[in-house]
Protein backbone atom coordinates (compact mmCIF):
# COMPACT_ATOMS: atom_id res chain seq x y z
CA MET A 1 132.51 94.91 88.60
CA LYS A 2 134.65 94.36 91.71
CA LYS A 3 136.30 97.77 91.16
CA PHE A 4 132.92 99.45 90.77
CA VAL A 5 131.53 98.30 94.17
CA PRO A 6 134.23 100.06 96.32
CA VAL A 7 133.83 103.25 94.29
CA LEU A 8 130.06 103.09 94.72
CA LEU A 9 130.44 102.50 98.49
CA PHE A 10 132.91 105.41 98.71
CA VAL A 11 130.51 107.78 96.93
CA PHE A 12 127.62 106.59 99.11
CA CYS A 13 129.65 107.16 102.32
CA ILE A 14 130.71 110.65 101.24
CA ASN A 15 127.11 111.53 100.38
CA ALA A 16 125.87 110.23 103.75
CA PHE A 17 128.63 112.11 105.57
CA ALA A 18 127.80 115.33 103.71
CA GLN A 19 124.11 114.98 104.60
CA GLN A 20 124.91 114.55 108.26
CA ASN A 21 127.21 117.57 108.37
CA ASN A 22 124.89 120.22 106.89
CA ASN A 23 124.75 121.83 110.32
CA LYS A 24 126.25 125.17 109.29
CA SER A 25 124.40 127.80 107.30
CA PHE A 26 124.67 131.35 106.05
CA GLN A 27 121.52 133.38 105.49
CA PHE A 28 120.61 136.81 104.22
CA GLU A 29 117.45 138.57 105.41
CA VAL A 30 115.58 141.65 104.22
CA GLY A 31 112.43 143.10 105.70
CA THR A 32 110.49 145.82 107.45
CA SER A 33 111.32 147.36 110.79
CA PHE A 34 109.40 149.39 113.36
CA ASN A 35 111.22 151.56 115.89
CA GLY A 36 109.60 152.66 119.14
CA SER A 37 105.86 152.17 119.36
CA GLY A 38 105.73 151.48 115.62
CA ASP A 39 105.36 155.09 114.55
CA ILE A 40 108.84 155.16 112.97
CA ARG A 41 108.76 152.70 110.10
CA GLY A 42 111.74 151.56 108.12
CA TYR A 43 113.71 148.74 106.55
CA ALA A 44 116.24 146.24 107.81
CA ILE A 45 118.83 143.84 106.38
CA ASN A 46 120.70 141.12 108.22
CA SER A 47 123.28 138.45 107.44
CA GLU A 48 123.82 135.57 109.80
CA PHE A 49 126.02 132.50 110.24
CA SER A 50 124.46 129.61 112.19
CA ASN A 51 125.79 126.30 113.44
CA PHE A 52 123.89 123.40 115.04
CA PHE A 53 126.12 121.93 117.74
CA LYS A 54 123.39 119.51 118.92
CA LYS A 55 120.40 118.11 117.04
CA LYS A 56 118.10 120.96 118.13
CA LEU A 57 120.55 123.51 119.61
CA SER A 58 122.42 126.12 117.61
CA TYR A 59 124.33 129.36 117.90
CA SER A 60 124.37 132.23 115.41
CA ILE A 61 126.40 135.36 114.78
CA GLY A 62 124.87 138.19 112.76
CA LEU A 63 125.51 141.63 111.34
CA GLY A 64 122.62 143.88 110.36
CA ALA A 65 121.48 147.41 109.62
CA THR A 66 118.25 149.38 109.97
CA ILE A 67 117.02 152.72 108.71
CA HIS A 68 113.83 154.43 109.88
CA ASP A 69 112.37 157.80 109.02
CA GLY A 70 109.37 159.86 109.93
CA GLU A 71 107.82 163.32 109.90
CA TYR A 72 106.83 165.75 112.58
CA TYR A 73 104.05 168.16 111.56
CA PHE A 74 103.78 171.65 113.02
CA SER A 75 102.35 175.02 112.09
CA THR A 76 103.33 178.66 112.54
CA TYR A 77 101.81 182.01 111.62
CA ASP A 78 103.40 184.61 109.38
CA ASN A 79 103.31 188.39 110.05
CA SER A 80 99.87 188.74 108.46
CA GLY A 81 98.40 186.02 110.72
CA LYS A 82 98.18 183.36 108.00
CA GLN A 83 98.80 179.83 109.29
CA ILE A 84 101.71 177.98 107.63
CA PHE A 85 101.95 174.20 107.88
CA SER A 86 105.40 172.59 107.86
CA THR A 87 107.10 169.25 108.42
CA LEU A 88 110.41 168.22 109.92
CA ASN A 89 111.79 164.97 108.51
CA TYR A 90 114.00 162.84 110.76
CA THR A 91 115.98 159.63 110.39
CA VAL A 92 117.17 156.91 112.74
CA ALA A 93 119.80 154.51 111.32
CA GLY A 94 121.74 151.77 113.04
CA LEU A 95 124.33 149.07 112.57
CA GLN A 96 124.38 146.09 114.90
CA ALA A 97 126.15 142.81 115.66
CA SER A 98 124.36 139.98 117.47
CA GLY A 99 125.06 136.61 119.01
CA LYS A 100 122.19 134.19 119.72
CA LEU A 101 121.51 130.69 121.01
CA GLY A 102 118.71 128.82 119.30
CA TYR A 103 116.37 125.91 119.92
CA SER A 104 114.47 124.17 117.10
CA PHE A 105 111.02 122.89 118.03
CA ILE A 106 110.80 121.14 114.65
CA ARG A 107 113.88 120.21 112.62
CA SER A 108 113.32 117.82 109.73
CA ASN A 109 114.53 117.32 106.15
CA LYS A 110 112.05 119.96 104.97
CA SER A 111 111.45 122.34 107.88
CA ASP A 112 113.18 124.15 110.70
CA PHE A 113 110.98 126.01 113.19
CA GLY A 114 112.49 127.53 116.31
CA VAL A 115 113.39 130.41 118.57
CA ARG A 116 116.66 132.27 119.20
CA LEU A 117 117.62 134.49 122.16
CA GLY A 118 120.76 136.55 122.52
CA THR A 119 122.55 139.84 122.93
CA MET A 120 123.48 142.57 120.52
CA LEU A 121 125.72 145.62 120.25
CA ARG A 122 124.18 148.54 118.32
CA PHE A 123 125.55 151.81 116.98
CA GLN A 124 122.76 154.27 116.17
CA SER A 125 122.71 157.71 114.58
CA THR A 126 119.63 159.92 114.95
CA SER A 127 118.70 163.25 113.43
CA SER A 128 116.79 165.67 115.62
CA ASP A 129 113.06 165.08 116.02
CA ASN A 130 112.32 167.43 118.91
CA VAL A 131 110.39 170.50 117.75
CA GLU A 132 108.87 173.11 120.03
CA ASN A 133 106.49 175.76 118.79
CA ASN A 134 106.38 178.73 121.14
CA SER A 135 104.10 181.51 119.87
CA GLY A 136 105.21 181.12 116.27
CA THR A 137 108.91 180.61 117.04
CA ILE A 138 110.18 177.14 116.17
CA TYR A 139 112.88 175.56 118.32
CA ILE A 140 114.66 172.37 117.20
CA ASN A 141 116.30 170.85 120.27
CA ASN A 142 118.59 167.90 120.85
CA TYR A 143 117.87 166.47 124.28
CA GLU A 144 119.77 163.23 123.64
CA PRO A 145 123.07 162.38 121.91
CA LEU A 146 122.72 162.01 118.16
CA ARG A 147 125.16 159.06 118.05
CA ARG A 148 124.86 156.25 120.57
CA LEU A 149 126.41 152.88 121.30
CA SER A 150 124.24 150.45 123.26
CA ILE A 151 123.92 146.83 124.24
CA GLY A 152 120.68 144.95 124.37
CA ALA A 153 118.70 141.74 124.15
CA ILE A 154 117.19 140.23 121.01
CA SER A 155 114.63 137.44 120.49
CA GLU A 156 113.65 135.77 117.23
CA LEU A 157 110.96 133.35 116.08
CA TYR A 158 111.74 131.74 112.70
CA TYR A 159 110.62 129.17 110.15
CA ASN A 160 112.83 127.91 107.31
CA TYR A 161 111.75 125.63 104.46
CA ASN A 162 114.47 123.52 102.81
CA ILE A 163 114.24 123.72 99.03
CA ASN A 164 116.92 121.03 98.81
CA GLN A 165 119.81 119.85 100.99
CA LYS A 166 121.72 123.10 100.49
CA LEU A 167 119.21 125.94 99.92
CA PHE A 168 116.41 127.21 102.14
CA ILE A 169 113.94 130.10 102.33
CA GLY A 170 112.03 131.34 105.34
CA ILE A 171 110.41 134.02 107.44
CA SER A 172 111.31 135.41 110.85
CA GLY A 173 110.23 138.01 113.35
CA THR A 174 112.46 139.69 115.92
CA PHE A 175 112.01 141.92 118.94
CA GLN A 176 114.87 143.78 120.57
CA ILE A 177 115.45 146.28 123.36
CA ASP A 178 118.62 148.14 124.28
CA THR A 179 120.15 150.31 126.99
CA ASN A 180 118.99 153.49 125.22
CA GLY A 181 115.37 152.45 125.71
CA ASP A 182 114.84 151.72 122.01
CA THR A 183 112.56 148.86 121.00
CA ILE A 184 112.74 147.54 117.45
CA ARG A 185 110.42 144.96 115.87
CA GLN A 186 111.37 143.40 112.54
CA SER A 187 109.80 141.03 110.00
CA PHE A 188 112.16 139.29 107.56
CA LEU A 189 112.14 137.20 104.42
CA THR A 190 115.11 134.84 104.50
CA CYS A 191 117.18 132.97 101.93
CA GLY A 192 120.16 130.88 102.88
CA MET A 193 122.58 128.09 102.14
CA ARG A 194 123.70 125.13 104.25
CA PHE A 195 127.20 123.73 104.12
C-alpha cells in the first residue's frame, strides 16, 4: 500500500499539470465567405495555432484560403437585330497568413468566448470582371492587376465549446480589409484540439 500512494500522487500531479497547461490549440475552420459588398460569394478554409500566455490573453497564427466567383450578365444584338443574352464568369481566389492577439470574455472548462484582432498578408488572383458593351461590341478590360499582394487588418468574434479537455468545436465570424480596398466577411465552423 505504501508503494501505491506515491504512484497515485504522481499520476494525480501529472494529470493536474496537464490540465493547467492546455493553453495551446490547433484548429481547422471551414465556412462561407463574402467578398466586397457581399455580391461575390464563396468559401473559405483556415487553420490556426493559438496559445494563451495569460488567463484571458492569447496570440494566434493562421493560414487560410478563399475562393469566390460570380457572373456578370450582358446582352448584345446579332446582325438580324435579335438580342443575345450572355454571361461572363469571374473568380477571385486568395491565400493569406494572419497573426492575431485575442481576449477571452468568458473562458471556463466548457466555453471560450472572445475576440481577436490582428494583421494579415494576402496574395490574391482575380480573373477579369470588367465588361463594357458599346453598341453591340463587347470589351473585356483589366483596369487593375490580376495578381496582388496586400496587407490588412482582421477582426474575429468566436465561441468554442469544449467537448472534453482536448477537443472543442465552435463558430466564428471575421471581417477583414486590406490595402487593395477588398473587404471580406467570413462565417466559420470550427473543430480543434488542445495540447
